[in-house]
Amino acid sequence: MRGPGDQRRRGGRGTQAAAAAIEAREAAATAFYDMDQAQKYIDGRVTVFEDLDAAAAEPARREFAGLSEAADAAAVAYISVLDAHDLDDRDRSPAEYDAARRAFTASTERLQQITRNLNGFAERLAPRMARLEAALDQLPPRLTAARDAVAAAADAVTAAKNAGMDASGPEAELDRARQALAQLGSQGLGGLGLDGAIRKAEEVREIAGRAREAAAELPQMAQKVRNSLASARTRADAVAHRVGPVQDAMRVLVRGYSQTCWQDLRGAPDAIEAAVSRARERLNEASAHLARAEWRQAQQALTAARTELNAADRRAGQVTGRVDRLREVAADPAGPAEGARFAVRDAQRLAMAQPGGPAPQHVRVLDGLVERLENASKRLTGVNPDYWAYLQELEAITTAAGDVVTRIRAERAARG
């Protein structure tokens, strides 16, 4: 039988066990709250990470999914312990209080461990988030600059059109900028990511900037085209006046030199006249475009006219230049040969200076060039020597000698 002292001892142990169990329950509740807050906070950070950089956030989301699953399981286990041990019911034995204390303590340790895991993950995530958020600070001013650029381009295009100019080119660029800006607004960070949004904003700014500059240049282009048209007409007249001297030069070539000296130039006066005629047609087209304020089309017609005039000018220069060269070589046939001979000797000296002596392949080429040089003068026979073939042969020899020099230097560089 138990006496009154036993009852008192039992009551004392029960009170202590109940207090310990309640303290363990409170500790578990605190641990649960800490874990729940950490889980919610990190879930929000990972979501922001995904919005800013979906590709980079994917591994983080996978890792957090595992941690979140463990946290959910720990939360369920904690609630089960809470349901299994109703400490508000005072009719419990010390053993039951002890069992409750142990269950709450184990739950606390589990909850705290998961919280540490969550916090560790958050610490690893923090540097990347800091970099992204720093970059995020750049987005608002980029967006503002993009919108301002579109507005400035729109003003410039409107001003050009009001001035009666063809602003179709700048207007097309402006439409591209507006479409890109609309895409940025519709997709935002969720569709483009932070880097994509920043790039898109920069793309809008650049396209709008080109549109604004092109529109602003239209008045200058108009004056430039007018000046160019006047200059091109003057040049067309000048090139047309070269037909007479070219005809005279062709008569000199035909009468004084062999056919091979001028056959590639046959028909040059007619070709020059035809080119000038085509150039004047293009200039008339440019003038018509100018009258309609179609500056770009006028510029294109001017470019075509210049191309024709350049070709005619080159052709005229070929004829008159041919006469001058043939007269020079006829007066001093040895002069051009001396230049080719110098080129061959220079290549020979470089070949001989090679370590171990000249390479056989270079010797064969240079010996052949010497032989060609000696035979070149044999072309100058008859009443009308073929001076043009003579000059071409000397130029070919000079070029070949230069090629040998280039190969020798490349081989030397390869050997270090």
Protein backbone atom coordinates (compact mmCIF):
# COMPACT_ATOMS: atom_id res chain seq x y z
CA MET A 1 0.00 0.00 0.00
CA ARG A 2 1.11 3.60 -0.76
CA GLY A 3 1.01 6.20 1.89
CA PRO A 4 0.42 9.94 1.62
CA GLY A 5 4.10 10.50 0.89
CA ASP A 6 3.92 8.38 -2.23
CA GLN A 7 1.03 10.49 -3.55
CA ARG A 8 2.97 13.66 -2.96
CA ARG A 9 6.02 12.27 -4.75
CA ARG A 10 3.88 11.21 -7.69
CA GLY A 11 2.29 14.64 -7.85
CA GLY A 12 5.71 16.29 -7.85
CA ARG A 13 7.03 14.12 -10.68
CA GLY A 14 3.87 14.71 -12.73
CA THR A 15 4.18 18.49 -12.42
CA GLN A 16 7.82 18.43 -13.50
CA ALA A 17 7.09 16.08 -16.39
CA ALA A 18 4.16 18.25 -17.54
CA ALA A 19 6.27 21.41 -17.42
CA ALA A 20 9.06 19.72 -19.41
CA ALA A 21 6.58 18.44 -21.98
CA ILE A 22 4.96 21.87 -22.36
CA GLU A 23 8.38 23.49 -22.73
CA ALA A 24 9.26 20.93 -25.42
CA ARG A 25 5.96 21.63 -27.18
CA GLU A 26 6.69 25.38 -27.21
CA ALA A 27 10.18 24.76 -28.56
CA ALA A 28 8.70 22.60 -31.31
CA ALA A 29 6.15 25.31 -32.15
CA THR A 30 8.95 27.87 -32.42
CA ALA A 31 10.99 25.52 -34.62
CA PHE A 32 7.94 24.90 -36.81
CA TYR A 33 7.32 28.63 -37.19
CA ASP A 34 10.99 29.28 -38.07
CA MET A 35 10.97 26.50 -40.65
CA ASP A 36 7.68 27.65 -42.16
CA GLN A 37 8.91 31.24 -42.48
CA ALA A 38 12.21 30.14 -44.03
CA GLN A 39 10.39 27.91 -46.52
CA LYS A 40 7.99 30.68 -47.57
CA TYR A 41 10.78 33.27 -47.85
CA ILE A 42 13.01 31.04 -49.96
CA ASP A 43 10.11 30.00 -52.17
CA GLY A 44 9.55 33.68 -52.92
CA ARG A 45 13.24 34.24 -53.66
CA VAL A 46 13.39 31.28 -56.03
CA THR A 47 10.28 32.57 -57.80
CA VAL A 48 11.96 35.95 -58.26
CA PHE A 49 15.09 34.14 -59.48
CA GLU A 50 12.98 32.32 -62.09
CA ASP A 51 11.45 35.59 -63.27
CA LEU A 52 14.87 37.18 -63.65
CA ASP A 53 16.72 34.25 -65.21
CA ALA A 54 14.63 31.14 -65.81
CA ALA A 55 17.46 29.00 -67.20
CA ALA A 56 19.86 29.74 -64.34
CA ALA A 57 17.10 29.27 -61.76
CA GLU A 58 16.17 25.77 -62.88
CA PRO A 59 18.81 23.93 -60.79
CA ALA A 60 17.93 26.11 -57.79
CA ARG A 61 14.25 25.28 -58.19
CA ARG A 62 15.04 21.56 -58.31
CA GLU A 63 17.17 21.75 -55.17
CA PHE A 64 14.56 23.79 -53.35
CA ALA A 65 11.86 21.32 -54.36
CA GLY A 66 13.70 18.60 -52.42
CA LEU A 67 14.13 20.85 -49.38
CA SER A 68 10.50 21.93 -49.55
CA GLU A 69 9.35 18.33 -49.72
CA ALA A 70 11.35 17.53 -46.59
CA ALA A 71 9.90 20.60 -44.86
CA ASP A 72 6.33 19.58 -45.74
CA ALA A 73 6.96 16.08 -44.40
CA ALA A 74 8.41 17.52 -41.17
CA ALA A 75 5.39 19.82 -40.81
CA VAL A 76 3.00 16.87 -41.18
CA ALA A 77 4.99 14.89 -38.61
CA TYR A 78 4.95 17.84 -36.20
CA ILE A 79 1.17 18.22 -36.49
CA SER A 80 0.79 14.48 -35.90
CA VAL A 81 2.85 14.77 -32.69
CA LEU A 82 0.75 17.75 -31.66
CA ASP A 83 -2.45 15.79 -32.22
CA ALA A 84 -1.12 12.73 -30.44
CA HIS A 85 -0.09 14.59 -27.29
CA ASP A 86 -2.82 16.91 -26.01
CA LEU A 87 -1.05 18.50 -23.08
CA ASP A 88 -4.11 20.55 -22.23
CA ASP A 89 -5.55 17.30 -20.83
CA ARG A 90 -4.12 17.31 -17.27
CA ASP A 91 -5.18 13.75 -16.52
CA ARG A 92 -1.91 12.30 -17.68
CA SER A 93 0.77 10.25 -16.04
CA PRO A 94 4.40 11.29 -15.76
CA ALA A 95 5.25 8.59 -18.31
CA GLU A 96 2.84 10.09 -20.81
CA TYR A 97 4.32 13.55 -20.26
CA ASP A 98 7.81 12.09 -20.74
CA ALA A 99 6.71 10.43 -24.01
CA ALA A 100 5.23 13.74 -25.19
CA ARG A 101 8.44 15.59 -24.30
CA ARG A 102 10.56 13.13 -26.23
CA ALA A 103 8.26 13.30 -29.28
CA PHE A 104 8.25 17.11 -29.28
CA THR A 105 12.03 17.22 -28.78
CA ALA A 106 12.60 14.86 -31.72
CA SER A 107 10.23 16.95 -33.85
CA THR A 108 12.09 20.13 -32.82
CA GLU A 109 15.44 18.66 -33.84
CA ARG A 110 14.06 17.58 -37.18
CA LEU A 111 12.45 20.98 -37.83
CA GLN A 112 15.62 22.83 -36.83
CA GLN A 113 17.77 20.65 -39.09
CA ILE A 114 15.52 21.36 -42.07
CA THR A 115 15.59 25.08 -41.22
CA ARG A 116 19.39 24.96 -41.22
CA ASN A 117 19.30 23.25 -44.62
CA LEU A 118 16.94 25.92 -45.94
CA ASN A 119 19.08 28.73 -44.57
CA GLY A 120 22.20 27.15 -46.07
CA PHE A 121 20.49 27.01 -49.44
CA ALA A 122 19.46 30.66 -49.05
CA GLU A 123 23.06 31.64 -48.30
CA ARG A 124 24.28 29.89 -51.46
CA LEU A 125 21.55 31.54 -53.48
CA ALA A 126 22.16 35.03 -52.09
CA PRO A 127 25.21 36.05 -54.22
CA ARG A 128 23.45 35.14 -57.46
CA MET A 129 20.32 36.95 -56.36
CA ALA A 130 22.37 40.01 -55.41
CA ARG A 131 23.93 40.13 -58.88
CA LEU A 132 20.57 39.74 -60.58
CA GLU A 133 18.94 42.39 -58.44
CA ALA A 134 21.82 44.75 -59.15
CA ALA A 135 21.22 44.13 -62.84
CA LEU A 136 17.50 44.62 -62.25
CA ASP A 137 18.26 48.16 -61.14
CA GLN A 138 19.50 48.82 -64.67
CA LEU A 139 16.21 47.86 -66.31
CA PRO A 140 14.02 50.91 -65.44
CA PRO A 141 16.45 53.47 -66.89
CA ARG A 142 16.92 51.25 -69.96
CA LEU A 143 13.17 51.12 -70.46
CA THR A 144 12.92 54.87 -70.05
CA ALA A 145 15.72 55.42 -72.57
CA ALA A 146 13.99 53.07 -75.04
CA ARG A 147 10.65 54.88 -74.74
CA ASP A 148 12.35 58.28 -75.03
CA ALA A 149 14.22 57.12 -78.14
CA VAL A 150 10.99 55.97 -79.78
CA ALA A 151 9.32 59.29 -78.97
CA ALA A 152 12.28 61.27 -80.38
CA ALA A 153 12.28 59.16 -83.54
CA ALA A 154 8.53 59.71 -83.97
CA ASP A 155 9.02 63.48 -83.67
CA ALA A 156 11.84 63.45 -86.24
CA VAL A 157 9.85 61.36 -88.72
CA THR A 158 6.80 63.63 -88.30
CA ALA A 159 8.94 66.73 -88.87
CA ALA A 160 10.46 65.24 -92.03
CA LYS A 161 7.06 64.30 -93.43
CA ASN A 162 5.63 67.73 -92.60
CA ALA A 163 8.54 69.23 -94.58
CA GLY A 164 7.37 67.28 -97.62
CA MET A 165 10.16 64.69 -97.54
CA ASP A 166 9.96 60.98 -98.25
CA ALA A 167 10.48 59.54 -94.77
CA SER A 168 9.45 55.98 -95.64
CA GLY A 169 12.84 54.57 -94.66
CA PRO A 170 13.03 56.15 -91.18
CA GLU A 171 9.33 55.41 -90.68
CA ALA A 172 9.91 51.71 -91.34
CA GLU A 173 12.69 51.70 -88.73
CA LEU A 174 10.40 53.49 -86.31
CA ASP A 175 7.75 50.80 -86.80
CA ARG A 176 10.36 48.15 -85.98
CA ALA A 177 11.27 49.99 -82.79
CA ARG A 178 7.63 50.24 -81.78
CA GLN A 179 7.06 46.53 -82.39
CA ALA A 180 10.08 45.62 -80.28
CA LEU A 181 8.86 47.94 -77.51
CA ALA A 182 5.41 46.33 -77.64
CA GLN A 183 7.02 42.89 -77.37
CA LEU A 184 8.95 44.07 -74.33
CA GLY A 185 5.76 45.35 -72.74
CA SER A 186 3.72 42.24 -73.47
CA GLN A 187 6.28 39.60 -72.47
CA GLY A 188 8.08 41.44 -69.68
CA LEU A 189 10.47 39.64 -67.35
CA GLY A 190 8.34 36.54 -67.30
CA GLY A 191 8.76 35.95 -71.02
CA LEU A 192 12.14 37.51 -71.73
CA GLY A 193 14.05 37.16 -68.47
CA LEU A 194 16.16 39.97 -67.07
CA ASP A 195 18.96 39.70 -69.62
CA GLY A 196 16.46 39.35 -72.44
CA ALA A 197 14.49 42.39 -71.27
CA ILE A 198 17.65 44.51 -71.01
CA ARG A 199 18.77 43.40 -74.48
CA LYS A 200 15.34 44.10 -75.91
CA ALA A 201 15.29 47.58 -74.38
CA GLU A 202 18.73 48.27 -75.86
CA GLU A 203 17.54 46.95 -79.24
CA VAL A 204 14.57 49.34 -79.14
CA ARG A 205 16.85 52.26 -78.30
CA GLU A 206 19.29 51.45 -81.12
CA ILE A 207 16.59 50.97 -83.77
CA ALA A 208 14.79 54.14 -82.73
CA GLY A 209 18.09 56.01 -82.71
CA ARG A 210 18.77 54.97 -86.30
CA ALA A 211 15.28 56.05 -87.30
CA ARG A 212 15.73 59.45 -85.65
CA GLU A 213 19.15 60.01 -87.25
CA ALA A 214 17.89 58.97 -90.68
CA ALA A 215 14.91 61.31 -90.41
CA ALA A 216 17.11 64.16 -89.18
CA GLU A 217 19.51 63.62 -92.08
CA LEU A 218 16.80 63.94 -94.72
CA PRO A 219 17.10 67.76 -95.09
CA GLN A 220 20.88 67.42 -95.34
CA MET A 221 20.48 64.56 -97.78
CA ALA A 222 18.19 66.66 -99.95
CA GLN A 223 20.79 69.42 -100.27
CA LYS A 224 23.55 66.87 -100.73
CA VAL A 225 21.66 65.17 -103.54
CA ARG A 226 21.02 68.51 -105.25
CA ASN A 227 24.72 69.39 -105.07
CA SER A 228 25.72 65.91 -106.23
CA LEU A 229 23.36 66.08 -109.17
CA ALA A 230 24.89 69.35 -110.35
CA SER A 231 28.39 67.94 -109.92
CA ALA A 232 27.51 64.74 -111.78
CA ARG A 233 26.11 66.69 -114.74
CA THR A 234 29.34 68.68 -114.95
CA ARG A 235 31.35 65.48 -114.82
CA ALA A 236 29.21 63.88 -117.52
CA ASP A 237 30.03 66.80 -119.81
CA ALA A 238 33.73 66.45 -119.00
CA VAL A 239 33.75 62.71 -119.75
CA ALA A 240 31.83 63.31 -122.99
CA HIS A 241 34.55 65.76 -124.04
CA ARG A 242 37.12 62.96 -123.68
CA VAL A 243 35.65 61.11 -126.66
CA GLY A 244 37.54 63.33 -129.13
CA PRO A 245 40.98 62.80 -127.54
CA VAL A 246 40.22 59.08 -127.27
CA GLN A 247 39.40 58.92 -130.99
CA ASP A 248 42.66 60.72 -131.75
CA ALA A 249 44.57 58.31 -129.51
CA MET A 250 42.96 55.31 -131.22
CA ARG A 251 44.05 56.65 -134.62
CA VAL A 252 47.62 56.95 -133.31
CA LEU A 253 47.50 53.38 -132.04
CA VAL A 254 46.04 51.94 -135.23
CA ARG A 255 48.45 53.76 -137.51
CA GLY A 256 51.62 53.54 -135.47
CA TYR A 257 51.52 50.22 -133.63
CA SER A 258 50.75 46.58 -134.23
CA GLN A 259 47.19 45.31 -133.84
CA THR A 260 47.99 43.47 -130.60
CA CYS A 261 48.81 46.86 -129.04
CA TRP A 262 45.30 48.19 -129.44
CA GLN A 263 42.84 45.40 -130.32
CA ASP A 264 41.57 45.14 -126.71
CA LEU A 265 40.70 48.87 -126.88
CA ARG A 266 38.72 48.68 -130.11
CA GLY A 267 35.32 50.35 -129.80
CA ALA A 268 36.39 52.46 -126.80
CA PRO A 269 35.00 55.79 -128.18
CA ASP A 270 31.57 54.24 -128.83
CA ALA A 271 31.59 52.55 -125.39
CA ILE A 272 32.41 55.86 -123.71
CA GLU A 273 29.62 57.68 -125.56
CA ALA A 274 27.13 54.92 -124.62
CA ALA A 275 28.17 55.06 -120.97
CA VAL A 276 27.78 58.84 -120.88
CA SER A 277 24.34 58.50 -122.47
CA ARG A 278 23.27 55.97 -119.83
CA ALA A 279 24.67 58.18 -117.08
CA ARG A 280 22.62 61.15 -118.33
CA GLU A 281 19.49 58.98 -118.30
CA ARG A 282 20.17 58.10 -114.67
CA LEU A 283 20.74 61.78 -113.88
CA ASN A 284 17.39 62.65 -115.42
CA GLU A 285 15.80 59.98 -113.23
CA ALA A 286 17.51 61.47 -110.19
CA SER A 287 16.17 64.89 -111.11
CA ALA A 288 12.64 63.48 -111.36
CA HIS A 289 12.99 61.84 -107.94
CA LEU A 290 14.21 65.13 -106.52
CA ALA A 291 11.10 66.88 -107.80
CA ARG A 292 9.00 64.33 -105.89
CA ALA A 293 11.16 64.64 -102.74
CA GLU A 294 12.23 61.00 -103.12
CA TRP A 295 15.71 61.55 -101.79
CA ARG A 296 16.83 57.97 -101.43
CA GLN A 297 15.67 57.01 -104.90
CA ALA A 298 17.44 60.09 -106.26
CA GLN A 299 20.61 59.04 -104.45
CA GLN A 300 20.39 55.55 -105.96
CA ALA A 301 20.00 56.98 -109.47
CA LEU A 302 23.00 59.24 -108.85
CA THR A 303 25.07 56.26 -107.74
CA ALA A 304 24.17 54.42 -110.94
CA ALA A 305 25.15 57.49 -113.00
CA ARG A 306 28.50 57.74 -111.22
CA THR A 307 29.17 54.06 -111.92
CA GLU A 308 28.66 54.64 -115.65
CA LEU A 309 30.88 57.73 -115.63
CA ASN A 310 33.62 55.94 -113.69
CA ALA A 311 33.63 53.12 -116.24
CA ALA A 312 33.78 55.59 -119.12
CA ASP A 313 36.57 57.54 -117.45
CA ARG A 314 38.60 54.39 -116.90
CA ARG A 315 38.13 53.36 -120.51
CA ALA A 316 39.27 56.74 -121.76
CA GLY A 317 42.29 56.61 -119.47
CA GLN A 318 43.20 53.16 -120.77
CA VAL A 319 43.34 54.44 -124.33
CA THR A 320 45.28 57.63 -123.72
CA GLY A 321 47.49 55.91 -121.17
CA ARG A 322 48.28 53.14 -123.66
CA VAL A 323 49.57 55.68 -126.16
CA ASP A 324 51.80 57.29 -123.52
CA ARG A 325 53.23 53.94 -122.38
CA LEU A 326 53.88 52.72 -125.87
CA ARG A 327 55.63 55.96 -126.80
CA GLU A 328 57.81 55.69 -123.71
CA VAL A 329 58.86 52.11 -124.39
CA ALA A 330 59.43 52.86 -128.07
CA ALA A 331 61.77 55.69 -127.10
CA ASP A 332 63.60 53.62 -124.46
CA PRO A 333 62.93 49.86 -124.66
CA ALA A 334 65.61 49.12 -122.09
CA GLY A 335 63.99 51.23 -119.36
CA PRO A 336 61.12 48.87 -118.47
CA ALA A 337 63.45 45.88 -118.79
CA GLU A 338 65.78 47.35 -116.19
CA GLY A 339 62.95 47.47 -113.65
CA ALA A 340 62.12 43.79 -114.24
CA ARG A 341 65.80 42.88 -114.08
CA PHE A 342 66.13 44.62 -110.71
CA ALA A 343 63.15 42.64 -109.34
CA VAL A 344 64.69 39.33 -110.46
CA ARG A 345 68.10 40.18 -109.00
CA ASP A 346 66.49 41.18 -105.69
CA ALA A 347 64.76 37.78 -105.54
CA GLN A 348 68.04 36.02 -106.41
CA ARG A 349 69.94 37.80 -103.62
CA LEU A 350 67.26 36.84 -101.09
CA ALA A 351 67.31 33.22 -102.27
CA MET A 352 71.11 33.02 -102.00
CA ALA A 353 70.97 34.43 -98.45
CA GLN A 354 68.89 31.47 -97.25
CA PRO A 355 70.59 29.25 -94.62
CA GLY A 356 71.98 26.24 -96.44
CA GLY A 357 71.74 27.92 -99.80
CA PRO A 358 68.81 28.60 -102.13
CA ALA A 359 65.95 26.14 -102.34
CA PRO A 360 65.90 24.19 -105.63
CA GLN A 361 62.32 25.19 -106.45
CA HIS A 362 63.20 28.87 -106.14
CA VAL A 363 66.31 28.43 -108.27
CA ARG A 364 64.26 26.82 -111.05
CA VAL A 365 61.73 29.66 -111.05
CA LEU A 366 64.36 32.40 -110.98
CA ASP A 367 66.42 30.79 -113.73
CA GLY A 368 63.28 30.64 -115.84
CA LEU A 369 62.62 34.34 -115.18
CA VAL A 370 66.16 35.21 -116.28
CA GLU A 371 65.62 33.31 -119.51
CA ARG A 372 62.28 35.03 -120.11
CA LEU A 373 63.92 38.40 -119.46
CA GLU A 374 66.59 37.69 -122.06
CA ASN A 375 64.00 36.63 -124.62
CA ALA A 376 61.64 39.55 -123.98
CA SER A 377 63.53 41.93 -126.23
CA LYS A 378 63.08 39.48 -129.13
CA ARG A 379 59.45 40.60 -129.28
CA LEU A 380 60.61 44.00 -130.52
CA THR A 381 61.05 43.08 -134.19
CA GLY A 382 59.49 44.20 -137.44
CA VAL A 383 58.25 47.55 -138.66
CA ASN A 384 55.69 47.83 -135.84
CA PRO A 385 57.13 45.98 -132.85
CA ASP A 386 54.67 44.48 -130.35
CA TYR A 387 55.56 46.88 -127.58
CA TRP A 388 52.43 45.99 -125.63
CA ALA A 389 53.26 42.29 -125.46
CA TYR A 390 56.80 43.31 -124.45
CA LEU A 391 55.49 45.42 -121.57
CA GLN A 392 53.09 42.72 -120.44
CA GLU A 393 55.85 40.13 -120.40
CA LEU A 394 58.07 42.43 -118.31
CA GLU A 395 55.22 43.02 -115.87
CA ALA A 396 54.62 39.26 -115.61
CA ILE A 397 58.32 38.70 -114.87
CA THR A 398 58.31 41.40 -112.19
CA THR A 399 55.21 39.90 -110.59
CA ALA A 400 56.66 36.39 -110.62
CA ALA A 401 59.87 37.61 -108.99
CA GLY A 402 57.83 39.30 -106.30
CA ASP A 403 55.96 36.03 -105.69
CA VAL A 404 59.27 34.23 -105.11
CA VAL A 405 60.29 36.87 -102.56
CA THR A 406 56.97 36.44 -100.77
CA ARG A 407 57.33 32.64 -100.60
CA ILE A 408 60.90 32.83 -99.32
CA ARG A 409 59.90 35.22 -96.54
CA ALA A 410 56.93 33.03 -95.60
CA GLU A 411 59.14 29.95 -95.41
CA ARG A 412 61.66 31.83 -93.28
CA ALA A 413 58.89 33.00 -90.92
CA ALA A 414 57.56 29.43 -90.63
CA ARG A 415 60.99 28.18 -89.57
CA GLY A 416 61.08 30.90 -86.90
